[in-house]
Structures are given as structure tokens and as C-alpha cells.
Amino acid sequence: MEKRLVRNVQDKKIAGVCAGLADYLDIDATLVRGLWILFTLLGGSGILAYLILWLIMPEAGTKA
């Protein structure tokens, strides 16, 4: 089975981006969310990255 980077709509808190990244990397979603908070607090780059990923990552179950 082919691995795809998609937003996880089952485990979403805001848009499912962190959960989708965690699924793709096979790590815990809490770790990805913690790193996102760290990047956001250390200069705001986390917000920009999240918005870009939200726009370009398809939802799980959709054809892209």
C-alpha cells in the first residue's frame, strides 16, 4: 500500500494537519502538535506552515 500525506479528519483538533503528519511519519500526534506549538512560539513560522499545509493537503478519503 502506498503511503500518502493527507489530513486526518478522524483525529483532528483544528484541521487534521498535525494528525495527518503524525500518521505519515508513524509518530504520536501529540508530539507533532507540541512541535507545532514550539515553532509557533519561537517566531510564528508554525502558523504559516500550518496554513500552507491545510491548503495543499487533501483530506483522507478524497481523490487528489
PDB file of N, CA and C in Angstrom:
ATOM      1  N   MET A   1       0.829  -1.179   0.000  1.00  0.00           N
ATOM      2  CA  MET A   1       0.000   0.000   0.000  1.00  0.00           C
ATOM      3  C   MET A   1       0.879   1.250   0.000  1.00  0.00           C
ATOM      4  N   GLU A   2       0.517   2.196  -0.791  1.00  0.00           N
ATOM      5  CA  GLU A   2       1.263   3.430  -0.947  1.00  0.00           C
ATOM      6  C   GLU A   2       0.952   4.400   0.195  1.00  0.00           C
ATOM      7  N   LYS A   3       1.987   5.012   0.738  1.00  0.00           N
ATOM      8  CA  LYS A   3       1.836   5.952   1.839  1.00  0.00           C
ATOM      9  C   LYS A   3       1.574   7.349   1.257  1.00  0.00           C
ATOM     10  N   ARG A   4       0.522   8.028   1.742  1.00  0.00           N
ATOM     11  CA  ARG A   4       0.163   9.358   1.257  1.00  0.00           C
ATOM     12  C   ARG A   4       0.053  10.328   2.427  1.00  0.00           C
ATOM     13  N   LEU A   5       0.418  11.570   2.164  1.00  0.00           N
ATOM     14  CA  LEU A   5       0.295  12.626   3.165  1.00  0.00           C
ATOM     15  C   LEU A   5      -1.070  13.274   2.998  1.00  0.00           C
ATOM     16  N   VAL A   6      -1.980  12.974   3.923  1.00  0.00           N
ATOM     17  CA  VAL A   6      -3.342  13.508   3.883  1.00  0.00           C
ATOM     18  C   VAL A   6      -3.723  14.007   5.273  1.00  0.00           C
ATOM     19  N   ARG A   7      -4.708  14.913   5.305  1.00  0.00           N
ATOM     20  CA  ARG A   7      -5.220  15.383   6.592  1.00  0.00           C
ATOM     21  C   ARG A   7      -6.100  14.297   7.195  1.00  0.00           C
ATOM     22  N   ASN A   8      -5.899  14.030   8.470  1.00  0.00           N
ATOM     23  CA  ASN A   8      -6.675  13.021   9.172  1.00  0.00           C
ATOM     24  C   ASN A   8      -7.904  13.688   9.775  1.00  0.00           C
ATOM     25  N   VAL A   9      -9.073  13.423   9.186  1.00  0.00           N
ATOM     26  CA  VAL A   9     -10.288  14.081   9.664  1.00  0.00           C
ATOM     27  C   VAL A   9     -10.906  13.360  10.859  1.00  0.00           C
ATOM     28  N   GLN A  10     -10.452  12.142  11.162  1.00  0.00           N
ATOM     29  CA  GLN A  10     -10.963  11.408  12.322  1.00  0.00           C
ATOM     30  C   GLN A  10     -10.332  11.918  13.615  1.00  0.00           C
ATOM     31  N   ASP A  11      -9.055  12.297  13.569  1.00  0.00           N
ATOM     32  CA  ASP A  11      -8.316  12.689  14.776  1.00  0.00           C
ATOM     33  C   ASP A  11      -7.952  14.169  14.723  1.00  0.00           C
ATOM     34  N   LYS A  12      -8.835  14.979  14.187  1.00  0.00           N
ATOM     35  CA  LYS A  12      -8.477  16.392  14.024  1.00  0.00           C
ATOM     36  C   LYS A  12      -8.830  17.206  15.258  1.00  0.00           C
ATOM     37  N   LYS A  13      -8.013  18.194  15.519  1.00  0.00           N
ATOM     38  CA  LYS A  13      -8.291  19.172  16.564  1.00  0.00           C
ATOM     39  C   LYS A  13      -8.704  20.483  15.901  1.00  0.00           C
ATOM     40  N   ILE A  14      -7.973  20.910  14.876  1.00  0.00           N
ATOM     41  CA  ILE A  14      -8.335  22.113  14.126  1.00  0.00           C
ATOM     42  C   ILE A  14      -8.703  21.706  12.700  1.00  0.00           C
ATOM     43  N   ALA A  15      -7.726  21.215  11.943  1.00  0.00           N
ATOM     44  CA  ALA A  15      -7.994  20.838  10.552  1.00  0.00           C
ATOM     45  C   ALA A  15      -7.455  19.460  10.212  1.00  0.00           C
ATOM     46  N   GLY A  16      -6.766  18.812  11.134  1.00  0.00           N
ATOM     47  CA  GLY A  16      -6.254  17.471  10.888  1.00  0.00           C
ATOM     48  C   GLY A  16      -4.852  17.431  10.309  1.00  0.00           C
ATOM     49  N   VAL A  17      -4.181  18.585  10.218  1.00  0.00           N
ATOM     50  CA  VAL A  17      -2.845  18.635   9.628  1.00  0.00           C
ATOM     51  C   VAL A  17      -1.831  17.915  10.503  1.00  0.00           C
ATOM     52  N   CYS A  18      -1.807  18.193  11.782  1.00  0.00           N
ATOM     53  CA  CYS A  18      -0.841  17.560  12.688  1.00  0.00           C
ATOM     54  C   CYS A  18      -1.080  16.053  12.771  1.00  0.00           C
ATOM     55  N   ALA A  19      -2.338  15.651  12.825  1.00  0.00           N
ATOM     56  CA  ALA A  19      -2.653  14.222  12.876  1.00  0.00           C
ATOM     57  C   ALA A  19      -2.252  13.532  11.573  1.00  0.00           C
ATOM     58  N   GLY A  20      -2.439  14.205  10.455  1.00  0.00           N
ATOM     59  CA  GLY A  20      -2.030  13.647   9.164  1.00  0.00           C
ATOM     60  C   GLY A  20      -0.529  13.491   9.068  1.00  0.00           C
ATOM     61  N   LEU A  21       0.214  14.489   9.537  1.00  0.00           N
ATOM     62  CA  LEU A  21       1.674  14.390   9.550  1.00  0.00           C
ATOM     63  C   LEU A  21       2.140  13.269  10.476  1.00  0.00           C
ATOM     64  N   ALA A  22       1.492  13.140  11.622  1.00  0.00           N
ATOM     65  CA  ALA A  22       1.851  12.090  12.566  1.00  0.00           C
ATOM     66  C   ALA A  22       1.592  10.711  11.963  1.00  0.00           C
ATOM     67  N   ASP A  23       0.481  10.545  11.279  1.00  0.00           N
ATOM     68  CA  ASP A  23       0.196   9.269  10.629  1.00  0.00           C
ATOM     69  C   ASP A  23       1.232   8.951   9.560  1.00  0.00           C
ATOM     70  N   TYR A  24       1.600   9.948   8.790  1.00  0.00           N
ATOM     71  CA  TYR A  24       2.570   9.761   7.708  1.00  0.00           C
ATOM     72  C   TYR A  24       3.947   9.395   8.255  1.00  0.00           C
ATOM     73  N   LEU A  25       4.345  10.024   9.357  1.00  0.00           N
ATOM     74  CA  LEU A  25       5.661   9.781   9.950  1.00  0.00           C
ATOM     75  C   LEU A  25       5.662   8.645  10.967  1.00  0.00           C
ATOM     76  N   ASP A  26       4.499   8.057  11.237  1.00  0.00           N
ATOM     77  CA  ASP A  26       4.349   6.974  12.219  1.00  0.00           C
ATOM     78  C   ASP A  26       4.837   7.376  13.611  1.00  0.00           C
ATOM     79  N   ILE A  27       4.419   8.570  14.047  1.00  0.00           N
ATOM     80  CA  ILE A  27       4.718   9.034  15.396  1.00  0.00           C
ATOM     81  C   ILE A  27       3.422   9.502  16.046  1.00  0.00           C
ATOM     82  N   ASP A  28       3.490   9.814  17.325  1.00  0.00           N
ATOM     83  CA  ASP A  28       2.315  10.236  18.069  1.00  0.00           C
ATOM     84  C   ASP A  28       1.898  11.650  17.659  1.00  0.00           C
ATOM     85  N   ALA A  29       0.614  11.869  17.485  1.00  0.00           N
ATOM     86  CA  ALA A  29       0.098  13.177  17.080  1.00  0.00           C
ATOM     87  C   ALA A  29       0.383  14.241  18.132  1.00  0.00           C
ATOM     88  N   THR A  30       0.463  13.856  19.393  1.00  0.00           N
ATOM     89  CA  THR A  30       0.760  14.815  20.459  1.00  0.00           C
ATOM     90  C   THR A  30       2.153  15.415  20.282  1.00  0.00           C
ATOM     91  N   LEU A  31       3.100  14.613  19.823  1.00  0.00           N
ATOM     92  CA  LEU A  31       4.454  15.100  19.583  1.00  0.00           C
ATOM     93  C   LEU A  31       4.457  16.129  18.453  1.00  0.00           C
ATOM     94  N   VAL A  32       3.742  15.856  17.383  1.00  0.00           N
ATOM     95  CA  VAL A  32       3.666  16.803  16.263  1.00  0.00           C
ATOM     96  C   VAL A  32       2.985  18.091  16.702  1.00  0.00           C
ATOM     97  N   ARG A  33       1.919  17.979  17.476  1.00  0.00           N
ATOM     98  CA  ARG A  33       1.228  19.178  17.971  1.00  0.00           C
ATOM     99  C   ARG A  33       2.132  19.997  18.897  1.00  0.00           C
ATOM    100  N   GLY A  34       2.918  19.316  19.723  1.00  0.00           N
ATOM    101  CA  GLY A  34       3.860  20.015  20.602  1.00  0.00           C
ATOM    102  C   GLY A  34       4.936  20.745  19.810  1.00  0.00           C
ATOM    103  N   LEU A  35       5.451  20.109  18.765  1.00  0.00           N
ATOM    104  CA  LEU A  35       6.434  20.772  17.912  1.00  0.00           C
ATOM    105  C   LEU A  35       5.819  21.966  17.192  1.00  0.00           C
ATOM    106  N   TRP A  36       4.566  21.830  16.770  1.00  0.00           N
ATOM    107  CA  TRP A  36       3.882  22.945  16.111  1.00  0.00           C
ATOM    108  C   TRP A  36       3.760  24.126  17.074  1.00  0.00           C
ATOM    109  N   ILE A  37       3.411  23.868  18.314  1.00  0.00           N
ATOM    110  CA  ILE A  37       3.309  24.940  19.311  1.00  0.00           C
ATOM    111  C   ILE A  37       4.667  25.586  19.533  1.00  0.00           C
ATOM    112  N   LEU A  38       5.720  24.777  19.595  1.00  0.00           N
ATOM    113  CA  LEU A  38       7.073  25.298  19.783  1.00  0.00           C
ATOM    114  C   LEU A  38       7.467  26.215  18.632  1.00  0.00           C
ATOM    115  N   PHE A  39       7.259  25.786  17.392  1.00  0.00           N
ATOM    116  CA  PHE A  39       7.589  26.621  16.237  1.00  0.00           C
ATOM    117  C   PHE A  39       6.755  27.895  16.206  1.00  0.00           C
ATOM    118  N   THR A  40       5.513  27.803  16.650  1.00  0.00           N
ATOM    119  CA  THR A  40       4.650  28.979  16.676  1.00  0.00           C
ATOM    120  C   THR A  40       5.142  29.991  17.707  1.00  0.00           C
ATOM    121  N   LEU A  41       5.542  29.514  18.863  1.00  0.00           N
ATOM    122  CA  LEU A  41       6.004  30.417  19.912  1.00  0.00           C
ATOM    123  C   LEU A  41       7.388  30.992  19.632  1.00  0.00           C
ATOM    124  N   LEU A  42       8.187  30.293  18.829  1.00  0.00           N
ATOM    125  CA  LEU A  42       9.548  30.750  18.529  1.00  0.00           C
ATOM    126  C   LEU A  42       9.625  31.494  17.202  1.00  0.00           C
ATOM    127  N   GLY A  43       8.690  32.349  16.946  1.00  0.00           N
ATOM    128  CA  GLY A  43       8.798  33.184  15.761  1.00  0.00           C
ATOM    129  C   GLY A  43       7.592  33.188  14.860  1.00  0.00           C
ATOM    130  N   GLY A  44       6.617  32.346  15.096  1.00  0.00           N
ATOM    131  CA  GLY A  44       5.403  32.368  14.301  1.00  0.00           C
ATOM    132  C   GLY A  44       5.428  31.554  13.022  1.00  0.00           C
ATOM    133  N   SER A  45       6.544  30.874  12.736  1.00  0.00           N
ATOM    134  CA  SER A  45       6.606  30.100  11.491  1.00  0.00           C
ATOM    135  C   SER A  45       5.653  28.906  11.504  1.00  0.00           C
ATOM    136  N   GLY A  46       5.244  28.468  12.665  1.00  0.00           N
ATOM    137  CA  GLY A  46       4.314  27.340  12.754  1.00  0.00           C
ATOM    138  C   GLY A  46       2.945  27.674  12.189  1.00  0.00           C
ATOM    139  N   ILE A  47       2.491  28.894  12.386  1.00  0.00           N
ATOM    140  CA  ILE A  47       1.184  29.299  11.868  1.00  0.00           C
ATOM    141  C   ILE A  47       1.193  29.315  10.351  1.00  0.00           C
ATOM    142  N   LEU A  48       2.223  29.885   9.752  1.00  0.00           N
ATOM    143  CA  LEU A  48       2.328  29.936   8.301  1.00  0.00           C
ATOM    144  C   LEU A  48       2.422  28.530   7.708  1.00  0.00           C
ATOM    145  N   ALA A  49       3.252  27.676   8.308  1.00  0.00           N
ATOM    146  CA  ALA A  49       3.393  26.310   7.821  1.00  0.00           C
ATOM    147  C   ALA A  49       2.080  25.546   7.928  1.00  0.00           C
ATOM    148  N   TYR A  50       1.360  25.743   9.019  1.00  0.00           N
ATOM    149  CA  TYR A  50       0.079  25.058   9.208  1.00  0.00           C
ATOM    150  C   TYR A  50      -0.926  25.484   8.151  1.00  0.00           C
ATOM    151  N   LEU A  51      -1.010  26.791   7.894  1.00  0.00           N
ATOM    152  CA  LEU A  51      -1.957  27.288   6.899  1.00  0.00           C
ATOM    153  C   LEU A  51      -1.626  26.775   5.499  1.00  0.00           C
ATOM    154  N   ILE A  52      -0.349  26.734   5.154  1.00  0.00           N
ATOM    155  CA  ILE A  52       0.050  26.223   3.844  1.00  0.00           C
ATOM    156  C   ILE A  52      -0.295  24.744   3.724  1.00  0.00           C
ATOM    157  N   LEU A  53       0.023  23.961   4.761  1.00  0.00           N
ATOM    158  CA  LEU A  53      -0.293  22.534   4.716  1.00  0.00           C
ATOM    159  C   LEU A  53      -1.795  22.294   4.684  1.00  0.00           C
ATOM    160  N   TRP A  54      -2.567  23.114   5.368  1.00  0.00           N
ATOM    161  CA  TRP A  54      -4.019  22.987   5.369  1.00  0.00           C
ATOM    162  C   TRP A  54      -4.565  23.167   3.958  1.00  0.00           C
ATOM    163  N   LEU A  55      -3.978  24.088   3.216  1.00  0.00           N
ATOM    164  CA  LEU A  55      -4.425  24.351   1.864  1.00  0.00           C
ATOM    165  C   LEU A  55      -4.016  23.277   0.862  1.00  0.00           C
ATOM    166  N   ILE A  56      -2.809  22.708   1.018  1.00  0.00           N
ATOM    167  CA  ILE A  56      -2.311  21.787  -0.010  1.00  0.00           C
ATOM    168  C   ILE A  56      -2.560  20.304   0.301  1.00  0.00           C
ATOM    169  N   MET A  57      -2.792  19.960   1.562  1.00  0.00           N
ATOM    170  CA  MET A  57      -3.005  18.553   1.908  1.00  0.00           C
ATOM    171  C   MET A  57      -4.469  18.176   1.692  1.00  0.00           C
ATOM    172  N   PRO A  58      -4.729  17.116   0.910  1.00  0.00           N
ATOM    173  CA  PRO A  58      -6.117  16.689   0.751  1.00  0.00           C
ATOM    174  C   PRO A  58      -6.610  15.964   1.999  1.00  0.00           C
ATOM    175  N   GLU A  59      -7.921  15.946   2.189  1.00  0.00           N
ATOM    176  CA  GLU A  59      -8.498  15.194   3.306  1.00  0.00           C
ATOM    177  C   GLU A  59      -8.381  13.702   3.007  1.00  0.00           C
ATOM    178  N   ALA A  60      -8.288  12.904   4.043  1.00  0.00           N
ATOM    179  CA  ALA A  60      -8.249  11.448   3.870  1.00  0.00           C
ATOM    180  C   ALA A  60      -9.582  11.017   3.258  1.00  0.00           C
ATOM    181  N   GLY A  61      -9.497  10.164   2.277  1.00  0.00           N
ATOM    182  CA  GLY A  61     -10.701   9.655   1.638  1.00  0.00           C
ATOM    183  C   GLY A  61     -11.113  10.424   0.410  1.00  0.00           C
ATOM    184  N   THR A  62     -10.431  11.528   0.096  1.00  0.00           N
ATOM    185  CA  THR A  62     -10.729  12.275  -1.122  1.00  0.00           C
ATOM    186  C   THR A  62      -9.694  11.931  -2.187  1.00  0.00           C
ATOM    187  N   LYS A  63     -10.061  12.087  -3.427  1.00  0.00           N
ATOM    188  CA  LYS A  63      -9.139  11.806  -4.526  1.00  0.00           C
ATOM    189  C   LYS A  63      -8.326  13.073  -4.811  1.00  0.00           C
ATOM    190  N   ALA A  64      -7.004  12.900  -4.855  1.00  0.00           N
ATOM    191  CA  ALA A  64      -6.142  14.046  -5.156  1.00  0.00           C
ATOM    192  C   ALA A  64      -5.090  13.641  -6.161  1.00  0.00           C
TER     193      ALA A  64
END
